[in-house]
Amino acid sequence: MRFARGSMVEEAITSGGLSAAELDFMRSVEDSHWWYRALRRHVVDSIHPPTPEFSLLDAGCGSGGMLGWMRERFPQASLTGLDLNQHALRLTEERTTGARLVHGSVDRMPLDEAEFDFVTALDVLYHRDVDDGAALREIHRVLRPGGTLIVNVAAFEFLRGSHDVATNTARRYTRPKLGKLLKDSGFTVETLTYWNMILLPAVALVRWLSRGQAHRPDVRSDLSLPAPALNIILQWIAQSELACSRRIALPFGTSLFAIARK
């Protein structure tokens, strides 16, 4: 099944990744949720293209929230979204970002060599159906010389809980582990920091208490939209941490954020 460029999906292969129910719920909250908003604002603020017509790949684009932010901030950019999950691509298509959408795995991308100025890989490398080393080598292949990779991954194995089962999380990272993976894949690391530091004790407790539910067939992620006032406060905390991380690497947190260059 083939679709026109900028329309639906260029090539249909197989489905993968999160369940349709998880994707639908993520799509329903991600545009307002404090965690997504803080991260995506930080990502777009980290991109400094030499010209307005730069090219960017969102590798593992999910339901398209990051591509929506990119289109709003960079209206002249050439955007591409890639995901293994066809339902995710359908949700992304509904956003009408004008991005080219490609169906495929991040560790076996059906894309040309040196095609992009920027690649984002946000909460993708740790998925059970992804070979993180192969994915980083593929990202290195499709980036142009001097191109930039922006990565976000889950941190610390002690934070594992039922959420990881629902979100298909196979591994969590430390700063040394992610740094080594990036360097072994040919990247020069420019930024490597934890974030969501202040909330780590509360998240650790919730995840620890949830472990008894991890094997239930109806297990769900712990993603939820807080009350509006709390959502604003949490977004301000996360944005403040990420802003601070531009000057100094934070020592711990629930996530790891990296900027690396080819």
C-alpha atoms as a PDB file:
ATOM      1  CA  MET A   1       0.000   0.000   0.000  1.00  0.00           C
ATOM      2  CA  ARG A   2       1.611   3.306  -1.129  1.00  0.00           C
ATOM      3  CA  PHE A   3       0.540   6.875  -0.466  1.00  0.00           C
ATOM      4  CA  ALA A   4       1.565  10.219  -1.950  1.00  0.00           C
ATOM      5  CA  ARG A   5       4.451  12.157  -0.428  1.00  0.00           C
ATOM      6  CA  GLY A   6       3.206  14.267   2.476  1.00  0.00           C
ATOM      7  CA  SER A   7      -0.048  12.327   2.614  1.00  0.00           C
ATOM      8  CA  MET A   8      -0.236   9.134   4.633  1.00  0.00           C
ATOM      9  CA  VAL A   9       2.436   6.440   4.730  1.00  0.00           C
ATOM     10  CA  GLU A  10       4.991   5.949   1.997  1.00  0.00           C
ATOM     11  CA  GLU A  11       5.476   2.254   2.530  1.00  0.00           C
ATOM     12  CA  ALA A  12       3.456  -0.195   4.637  1.00  0.00           C
ATOM     13  CA  ILE A  13       5.398  -3.108   6.115  1.00  0.00           C
ATOM     14  CA  THR A  14       4.316  -4.359   9.553  1.00  0.00           C
ATOM     15  CA  SER A  15       2.920  -2.859  12.727  1.00  0.00           C
ATOM     16  CA  GLY A  16       4.785  -2.606  16.012  1.00  0.00           C
ATOM     17  CA  GLY A  17       5.361  -0.560  19.178  1.00  0.00           C
ATOM     18  CA  LEU A  18       2.685   0.556  21.647  1.00  0.00           C
ATOM     19  CA  SER A  19      -0.865  -0.758  21.706  1.00  0.00           C
ATOM     20  CA  ALA A  20      -3.561   1.243  19.934  1.00  0.00           C
ATOM     21  CA  ALA A  21      -5.185   1.967  23.311  1.00  0.00           C
ATOM     22  CA  GLU A  22      -1.951   3.438  24.726  1.00  0.00           C
ATOM     23  CA  LEU A  23      -1.392   5.496  21.576  1.00  0.00           C
ATOM     24  CA  ASP A  24      -4.942   6.827  21.627  1.00  0.00           C
ATOM     25  CA  PHE A  25      -4.626   7.818  25.263  1.00  0.00           C
ATOM     26  CA  MET A  26      -1.238   9.432  24.657  1.00  0.00           C
ATOM     27  CA  ARG A  27      -2.706  11.397  21.765  1.00  0.00           C
ATOM     28  CA  SER A  28      -5.571  12.587  23.975  1.00  0.00           C
ATOM     29  CA  VAL A  29      -3.293  14.113  26.641  1.00  0.00           C
ATOM     30  CA  GLU A  30       0.113  14.837  25.124  1.00  0.00           C
ATOM     31  CA  ASP A  31      -0.629  18.327  23.805  1.00  0.00           C
ATOM     32  CA  SER A  32      -1.522  19.497  27.326  1.00  0.00           C
ATOM     33  CA  HIS A  33       0.568  17.226  29.577  1.00  0.00           C
ATOM     34  CA  TRP A  34       3.354  18.991  31.465  1.00  0.00           C
ATOM     35  CA  TRP A  35       6.038  16.357  30.709  1.00  0.00           C
ATOM     36  CA  TYR A  36       5.494  16.382  26.944  1.00  0.00           C
ATOM     37  CA  ARG A  37       5.244  20.164  26.783  1.00  0.00           C
ATOM     38  CA  ALA A  38       8.433  20.730  28.753  1.00  0.00           C
ATOM     39  CA  LEU A  39      10.440  18.214  26.726  1.00  0.00           C
ATOM     40  CA  ARG A  40       9.171  19.378  23.341  1.00  0.00           C
ATOM     41  CA  ARG A  41       9.799  23.027  24.127  1.00  0.00           C
ATOM     42  CA  HIS A  42      13.336  22.110  25.154  1.00  0.00           C
ATOM     43  CA  VAL A  43      13.846  20.157  21.933  1.00  0.00           C
ATOM     44  CA  VAL A  44      12.723  22.977  19.629  1.00  0.00           C
ATOM     45  CA  ASP A  45      14.798  25.469  21.656  1.00  0.00           C
ATOM     46  CA  SER A  46      17.828  23.201  21.113  1.00  0.00           C
ATOM     47  CA  ILE A  47      17.570  23.370  17.314  1.00  0.00           C
ATOM     48  CA  HIS A  48      19.508  26.181  15.641  1.00  0.00           C
ATOM     49  CA  PRO A  49      19.316  25.580  11.891  1.00  0.00           C
ATOM     50  CA  PRO A  50      21.658  27.435   9.521  1.00  0.00           C
ATOM     51  CA  THR A  51      18.735  28.123   7.151  1.00  0.00           C
ATOM     52  CA  PRO A  52      14.925  27.991   7.507  1.00  0.00           C
ATOM     53  CA  GLU A  53      14.740  25.173   4.931  1.00  0.00           C
ATOM     54  CA  PHE A  54      16.575  22.522   6.946  1.00  0.00           C
ATOM     55  CA  SER A  55      15.516  18.844   7.018  1.00  0.00           C
ATOM     56  CA  LEU A  56      14.529  16.928  10.158  1.00  0.00           C
ATOM     57  CA  LEU A  57      13.572  13.323  10.881  1.00  0.00           C
ATOM     58  CA  ASP A  58      11.522  12.425  13.943  1.00  0.00           C
ATOM     59  CA  ALA A  59      12.588   8.770  14.344  1.00  0.00           C
ATOM     60  CA  GLY A  60       9.793   7.010  16.211  1.00  0.00           C
ATOM     61  CA  CYS A  61       7.331   9.863  15.799  1.00  0.00           C
ATOM     62  CA  GLY A  62       4.500   8.230  17.769  1.00  0.00           C
ATOM     63  CA  SER A  63       1.257  10.177  17.439  1.00  0.00           C
ATOM     64  CA  GLY A  64       2.990  13.212  15.951  1.00  0.00           C
ATOM     65  CA  GLY A  65       3.156  15.664  18.833  1.00  0.00           C
ATOM     66  CA  MET A  66       6.802  16.555  18.268  1.00  0.00           C
ATOM     67  CA  LEU A  67       6.240  17.068  14.554  1.00  0.00           C
ATOM     68  CA  GLY A  68       3.403  19.459  15.432  1.00  0.00           C
ATOM     69  CA  TRP A  69       5.759  21.549  17.567  1.00  0.00           C
ATOM     70  CA  MET A  70       8.388  21.477  14.815  1.00  0.00           C
ATOM     71  CA  ARG A  71       5.957  22.683  12.157  1.00  0.00           C
ATOM     72  CA  GLU A  72       4.756  25.519  14.367  1.00  0.00           C
ATOM     73  CA  ARG A  73       8.307  26.678  15.207  1.00  0.00           C
ATOM     74  CA  PHE A  74       9.895  25.956  11.817  1.00  0.00           C
ATOM     75  CA  PRO A  75       7.239  26.432   9.104  1.00  0.00           C
ATOM     76  CA  GLN A  76       9.728  26.155   6.207  1.00  0.00           C
ATOM     77  CA  ALA A  77      11.478  22.987   7.396  1.00  0.00           C
ATOM     78  CA  SER A  78      11.253  19.699   5.508  1.00  0.00           C
ATOM     79  CA  LEU A  79       9.881  17.270   8.101  1.00  0.00           C
ATOM     80  CA  THR A  80       9.807  13.466   8.041  1.00  0.00           C
ATOM     81  CA  GLY A  81       8.239  11.160  10.617  1.00  0.00           C
ATOM     82  CA  LEU A  82       9.086   7.464  10.851  1.00  0.00           C
ATOM     83  CA  ASP A  83       7.373   4.856  13.000  1.00  0.00           C
ATOM     84  CA  LEU A  84       6.890   1.087  12.998  1.00  0.00           C
ATOM     85  CA  ASN A  85       3.313   1.406  14.250  1.00  0.00           C
ATOM     86  CA  GLN A  86       0.773   2.100  11.522  1.00  0.00           C
ATOM     87  CA  HIS A  87      -1.817   3.354  14.009  1.00  0.00           C
ATOM     88  CA  ALA A  88       0.729   5.917  15.242  1.00  0.00           C
ATOM     89  CA  LEU A  89       1.213   7.119  11.685  1.00  0.00           C
ATOM     90  CA  ARG A  90      -2.538   7.449  11.196  1.00  0.00           C
ATOM     91  CA  LEU A  91      -2.724   9.627  14.316  1.00  0.00           C
ATOM     92  CA  THR A  92       0.207  11.687  13.054  1.00  0.00           C
ATOM     93  CA  GLU A  93      -1.447  12.119   9.658  1.00  0.00           C
ATOM     94  CA  GLU A  94      -4.497  13.614  11.364  1.00  0.00           C
ATOM     95  CA  ARG A  95      -2.353  16.494  12.621  1.00  0.00           C
ATOM     96  CA  THR A  96      -1.815  17.734   9.033  1.00  0.00           C
ATOM     97  CA  THR A  97       1.755  18.857   9.678  1.00  0.00           C
ATOM     98  CA  GLY A  98       2.714  18.348   6.034  1.00  0.00           C
ATOM     99  CA  ALA A  99       5.429  15.916   7.115  1.00  0.00           C
ATOM    100  CA  ARG A 100       6.405  12.981   4.940  1.00  0.00           C
ATOM    101  CA  LEU A 101       5.456   9.848   6.889  1.00  0.00           C
ATOM    102  CA  VAL A 102       7.406   6.620   6.480  1.00  0.00           C
ATOM    103  CA  HIS A 103       6.567   3.234   7.952  1.00  0.00           C
ATOM    104  CA  GLY A 104       9.616   1.379   9.249  1.00  0.00           C
ATOM    105  CA  SER A 105      11.865   0.581  12.178  1.00  0.00           C
ATOM    106  CA  VAL A 106      14.423   3.021  13.554  1.00  0.00           C
ATOM    107  CA  ASP A 107      17.086   0.311  13.411  1.00  0.00           C
ATOM    108  CA  ARG A 108      16.354  -0.503   9.725  1.00  0.00           C
ATOM    109  CA  MET A 109      15.296   2.799   8.193  1.00  0.00           C
ATOM    110  CA  PRO A 110      14.110   2.833   4.565  1.00  0.00           C
ATOM    111  CA  LEU A 111      15.774   6.239   4.119  1.00  0.00           C
ATOM    112  CA  ASP A 112      18.719   7.566   2.135  1.00  0.00           C
ATOM    113  CA  GLU A 113      22.202   8.155   3.493  1.00  0.00           C
ATOM    114  CA  ALA A 114      23.022  11.711   4.641  1.00  0.00           C
ATOM    115  CA  GLU A 115      19.426  12.872   4.110  1.00  0.00           C
ATOM    116  CA  PHE A 116      18.820  14.988   7.239  1.00  0.00           C
ATOM    117  CA  ASP A 117      20.284  17.949   9.117  1.00  0.00           C
ATOM    118  CA  PHE A 118      18.606  16.927  12.386  1.00  0.00           C
ATOM    119  CA  VAL A 119      17.206  13.707  13.849  1.00  0.00           C
ATOM    120  CA  THR A 120      15.123  13.444  17.013  1.00  0.00           C
ATOM    121  CA  ALA A 121      14.737  10.088  18.777  1.00  0.00           C
ATOM    122  CA  LEU A 122      12.538  10.754  21.794  1.00  0.00           C
ATOM    123  CA  ASP A 123      11.734   7.799  24.067  1.00  0.00           C
ATOM    124  CA  VAL A 124      12.385   5.305  21.295  1.00  0.00           C
ATOM    125  CA  LEU A 125      15.769   3.627  21.856  1.00  0.00           C
ATOM    126  CA  TYR A 126      14.615   1.697  24.912  1.00  0.00           C
ATOM    127  CA  HIS A 127      11.688  -0.074  23.218  1.00  0.00           C
ATOM    128  CA  ARG A 128      11.691  -3.847  23.252  1.00  0.00           C
ATOM    129  CA  ASP A 129      11.520  -4.101  19.465  1.00  0.00           C
ATOM    130  CA  VAL A 130      14.475  -1.709  18.936  1.00  0.00           C
ATOM    131  CA  ASP A 131      18.184  -2.576  18.836  1.00  0.00           C
ATOM    132  CA  ASP A 132      19.528   0.658  20.316  1.00  0.00           C
ATOM    133  CA  GLY A 133      23.038   0.268  18.903  1.00  0.00           C
ATOM    134  CA  ALA A 134      21.729  -0.498  15.412  1.00  0.00           C
ATOM    135  CA  ALA A 135      19.288   2.410  15.651  1.00  0.00           C
ATOM    136  CA  LEU A 136      22.048   4.867  16.518  1.00  0.00           C
ATOM    137  CA  ARG A 137      24.179   3.596  13.644  1.00  0.00           C
ATOM    138  CA  GLU A 138      21.209   4.044  11.309  1.00  0.00           C
ATOM    139  CA  ILE A 139      20.644   7.566  12.599  1.00  0.00           C
ATOM    140  CA  HIS A 140      24.329   8.298  12.031  1.00  0.00           C
ATOM    141  CA  ARG A 141      23.953   6.992   8.463  1.00  0.00           C
ATOM    142  CA  VAL A 142      20.965   9.189   7.566  1.00  0.00           C
ATOM    143  CA  LEU A 143      22.431  12.350   9.134  1.00  0.00           C
ATOM    144  CA  ARG A 144      24.502  14.691   7.016  1.00  0.00           C
ATOM    145  CA  PRO A 145      28.090  15.422   8.131  1.00  0.00           C
ATOM    146  CA  GLY A 146      27.829  17.888  11.003  1.00  0.00           C
ATOM    147  CA  GLY A 147      24.194  16.929  11.564  1.00  0.00           C
ATOM    148  CA  THR A 148      22.646  16.876  15.035  1.00  0.00           C
ATOM    149  CA  LEU A 149      20.913  14.093  16.957  1.00  0.00           C
ATOM    150  CA  ILE A 150      18.604  14.844  19.903  1.00  0.00           C
ATOM    151  CA  VAL A 151      17.780  11.896  22.175  1.00  0.00           C
ATOM    152  CA  ASN A 152      15.596  11.338  25.211  1.00  0.00           C
ATOM    153  CA  VAL A 153      15.464   7.991  27.043  1.00  0.00           C
ATOM    154  CA  ALA A 154      14.240   6.519  30.323  1.00  0.00           C
ATOM    155  CA  ALA A 155      16.808   6.506  33.146  1.00  0.00           C
ATOM    156  CA  PHE A 156      17.772   4.071  35.938  1.00  0.00           C
ATOM    157  CA  GLU A 157      16.619   0.468  36.229  1.00  0.00           C
ATOM    158  CA  PHE A 158      15.376   1.033  39.796  1.00  0.00           C
ATOM    159  CA  LEU A 159      12.571   3.154  38.280  1.00  0.00           C
ATOM    160  CA  ARG A 160      11.162   0.122  36.471  1.00  0.00           C
ATOM    161  CA  GLY A 161       7.490  -0.666  37.124  1.00  0.00           C
ATOM    162  CA  SER A 162       4.253  -1.639  35.403  1.00  0.00           C
ATOM    163  CA  HIS A 163       4.571   1.523  33.306  1.00  0.00           C
ATOM    164  CA  ASP A 164       7.549  -0.087  31.549  1.00  0.00           C
ATOM    165  CA  VAL A 165       5.493  -3.127  30.593  1.00  0.00           C
ATOM    166  CA  ALA A 166       2.691  -0.981  29.171  1.00  0.00           C
ATOM    167  CA  THR A 167       5.114   1.200  27.214  1.00  0.00           C
ATOM    168  CA  ASN A 168       7.218  -1.700  25.888  1.00  0.00           C
ATOM    169  CA  THR A 169      10.333  -0.523  27.748  1.00  0.00           C
ATOM    170  CA  ALA A 170      13.111  -3.109  27.557  1.00  0.00           C
ATOM    171  CA  ARG A 171      15.963  -1.108  29.099  1.00  0.00           C
ATOM    172  CA  ARG A 172      16.741   2.021  31.069  1.00  0.00           C
ATOM    173  CA  TYR A 173      19.949   4.025  30.840  1.00  0.00           C
ATOM    174  CA  THR A 174      22.582   5.712  32.903  1.00  0.00           C
ATOM    175  CA  ARG A 175      24.644   8.637  31.658  1.00  0.00           C
ATOM    176  CA  PRO A 176      27.795   6.517  31.117  1.00  0.00           C
ATOM    177  CA  LYS A 177      25.833   3.839  29.244  1.00  0.00           C
ATOM    178  CA  LEU A 178      24.134   6.271  26.864  1.00  0.00           C
ATOM    179  CA  GLY A 179      27.333   8.251  26.380  1.00  0.00           C
ATOM    180  CA  LYS A 180      29.223   5.107  25.387  1.00  0.00           C
ATOM    181  CA  LEU A 181      26.469   4.054  22.969  1.00  0.00           C
ATOM    182  CA  LEU A 182      26.572   7.428  21.255  1.00  0.00           C
ATOM    183  CA  LYS A 183      30.366   7.493  20.993  1.00  0.00           C
ATOM    184  CA  ASP A 184      30.531   3.891  19.753  1.00  0.00           C
ATOM    185  CA  SER A 185      28.053   4.860  17.017  1.00  0.00           C
ATOM    186  CA  GLY A 186      30.330   7.647  15.780  1.00  0.00           C
ATOM    187  CA  PHE A 187      28.776  10.658  17.538  1.00  0.00           C
ATOM    188  CA  THR A 188      30.445  13.480  19.423  1.00  0.00           C
ATOM    189  CA  VAL A 189      28.402  14.134  22.566  1.00  0.00           C
ATOM    190  CA  GLU A 190      27.717  17.811  23.245  1.00  0.00           C
ATOM    191  CA  THR A 191      25.054  17.560  25.983  1.00  0.00           C
ATOM    192  CA  LEU A 192      24.243  14.608  28.228  1.00  0.00           C
ATOM    193  CA  THR A 193      22.121  15.249  31.304  1.00  0.00           C
ATOM    194  CA  TYR A 194      19.439  13.760  33.506  1.00  0.00           C
ATOM    195  CA  TRP A 195      16.206  15.711  34.044  1.00  0.00           C
ATOM    196  CA  ASN A 196      12.916  15.459  35.962  1.00  0.00           C
ATOM    197  CA  MET A 197      15.107  15.361  39.054  1.00  0.00           C
ATOM    198  CA  ILE A 198      12.819  16.847  41.689  1.00  0.00           C
ATOM    199  CA  LEU A 199      10.062  14.314  41.050  1.00  0.00           C
ATOM    200  CA  LEU A 200      12.351  11.269  41.036  1.00  0.00           C
ATOM    201  CA  PRO A 201      11.560  10.114  44.632  1.00  0.00           C
ATOM    202  CA  ALA A 202       7.800  10.253  44.005  1.00  0.00           C
ATOM    203  CA  VAL A 203       8.130   8.471  40.657  1.00  0.00           C
ATOM    204  CA  ALA A 204      10.354   5.799  42.222  1.00  0.00           C
ATOM    205  CA  LEU A 205       7.737   5.107  44.918  1.00  0.00           C
ATOM    206  CA  VAL A 206       4.869   4.899  42.422  1.00  0.00           C
ATOM    207  CA  ARG A 207       6.836   2.583  40.146  1.00  0.00           C
ATOM    208  CA  TRP A 208       7.914   0.350  43.059  1.00  0.00           C
ATOM    209  CA  LEU A 209       4.317   0.024  44.272  1.00  0.00           C
ATOM    210  CA  SER A 210       3.143  -0.774  40.740  1.00  0.00           C
ATOM    211  CA  ARG A 211       5.415  -3.783  40.210  1.00  0.00           C
ATOM    212  CA  GLY A 212       2.786  -6.204  41.476  1.00  0.00           C
ATOM    213  CA  GLN A 213       0.527  -5.131  38.583  1.00  0.00           C
ATOM    214  CA  ALA A 214       3.171  -5.583  35.887  1.00  0.00           C
ATOM    215  CA  HIS A 215       1.970  -9.046  34.777  1.00  0.00           C
ATOM    216  CA  ARG A 216      -1.724  -8.190  34.482  1.00  0.00           C
ATOM    217  CA  PRO A 217      -3.080  -8.511  30.929  1.00  0.00           C
ATOM    218  CA  ASP A 218      -4.739  -5.080  31.195  1.00  0.00           C
ATOM    219  CA  VAL A 219      -1.623  -3.261  32.465  1.00  0.00           C
ATOM    220  CA  ARG A 220      -1.584   0.441  31.579  1.00  0.00           C
ATOM    221  CA  SER A 221       1.004   3.180  31.732  1.00  0.00           C
ATOM    222  CA  ASP A 222       0.934   5.671  34.599  1.00  0.00           C
ATOM    223  CA  LEU A 223       0.453   8.565  32.182  1.00  0.00           C
ATOM    224  CA  SER A 224      -2.377  10.848  33.334  1.00  0.00           C
ATOM    225  CA  LEU A 225      -3.251  14.520  33.016  1.00  0.00           C
ATOM    226  CA  PRO A 226      -3.090  16.326  36.393  1.00  0.00           C
ATOM    227  CA  ALA A 227      -5.445  19.065  37.485  1.00  0.00           C
ATOM    228  CA  PRO A 228      -4.768  22.267  35.502  1.00  0.00           C
ATOM    229  CA  ALA A 229      -3.016  24.172  38.305  1.00  0.00           C
ATOM    230  CA  LEU A 230      -0.780  21.208  39.165  1.00  0.00           C
ATOM    231  CA  ASN A 231      -0.056  20.634  35.483  1.00  0.00           C
ATOM    232  CA  ILE A 232       1.200  24.221  35.170  1.00  0.00           C
ATOM    233  CA  ILE A 233       3.391  23.881  38.266  1.00  0.00           C
ATOM    234  CA  LEU A 234       4.914  20.598  37.093  1.00  0.00           C
ATOM    235  CA  GLN A 235       5.608  22.033  33.650  1.00  0.00           C
ATOM    236  CA  TRP A 236       7.352  25.034  35.209  1.00  0.00           C
ATOM    237  CA  ILE A 237       9.517  22.730  37.363  1.00  0.00           C
ATOM    238  CA  ALA A 238      10.477  20.547  34.382  1.00  0.00           C
ATOM    239  CA  GLN A 239      11.222  23.536  32.156  1.00  0.00           C
ATOM    240  CA  SER A 240      13.349  25.104  34.881  1.00  0.00           C
ATOM    241  CA  GLU A 241      15.363  21.905  35.250  1.00  0.00           C
ATOM    242  CA  LEU A 242      15.885  21.613  31.501  1.00  0.00           C
ATOM    243  CA  ALA A 243      16.927  25.254  31.285  1.00  0.00           C
ATOM    244  CA  CYS A 244      19.409  24.682  34.109  1.00  0.00           C
ATOM    245  CA  SER A 245      20.756  21.607  32.307  1.00  0.00           C
ATOM    246  CA  ARG A 246      21.931  23.850  29.454  1.00  0.00           C
ATOM    247  CA  ARG A 247      24.584  25.187  31.824  1.00  0.00           C
ATOM    248  CA  ILE A 248      25.324  22.203  34.054  1.00  0.00           C
ATOM    249  CA  ALA A 249      24.553  18.477  33.727  1.00  0.00           C
ATOM    250  CA  LEU A 250      22.028  17.412  36.356  1.00  0.00           C
ATOM    251  CA  PRO A 251      23.204  14.483  38.527  1.00  0.00           C
ATOM    252  CA  PHE A 252      20.030  12.360  38.435  1.00  0.00           C
ATOM    253  CA  GLY A 253      16.459  12.278  37.125  1.00  0.00           C
ATOM    254  CA  THR A 254      13.842  10.009  35.611  1.00  0.00           C
ATOM    255  CA  SER A 255      15.007  10.723  32.034  1.00  0.00           C
ATOM    256  CA  LEU A 256      18.235  11.311  30.116  1.00  0.00           C
ATOM    257  CA  PHE A 257      18.555  14.009  27.441  1.00  0.00           C
ATOM    258  CA  ALA A 258      21.397  14.148  24.946  1.00  0.00           C
ATOM    259  CA  ILE A 259      22.528  16.270  22.002  1.00  0.00           C
ATOM    260  CA  ALA A 260      25.185  14.700  19.778  1.00  0.00           C
ATOM    261  CA  ARG A 261      26.774  15.612  16.465  1.00  0.00           C
ATOM    262  CA  LYS A 262      27.907  13.505  13.519  1.00  0.00           C
END
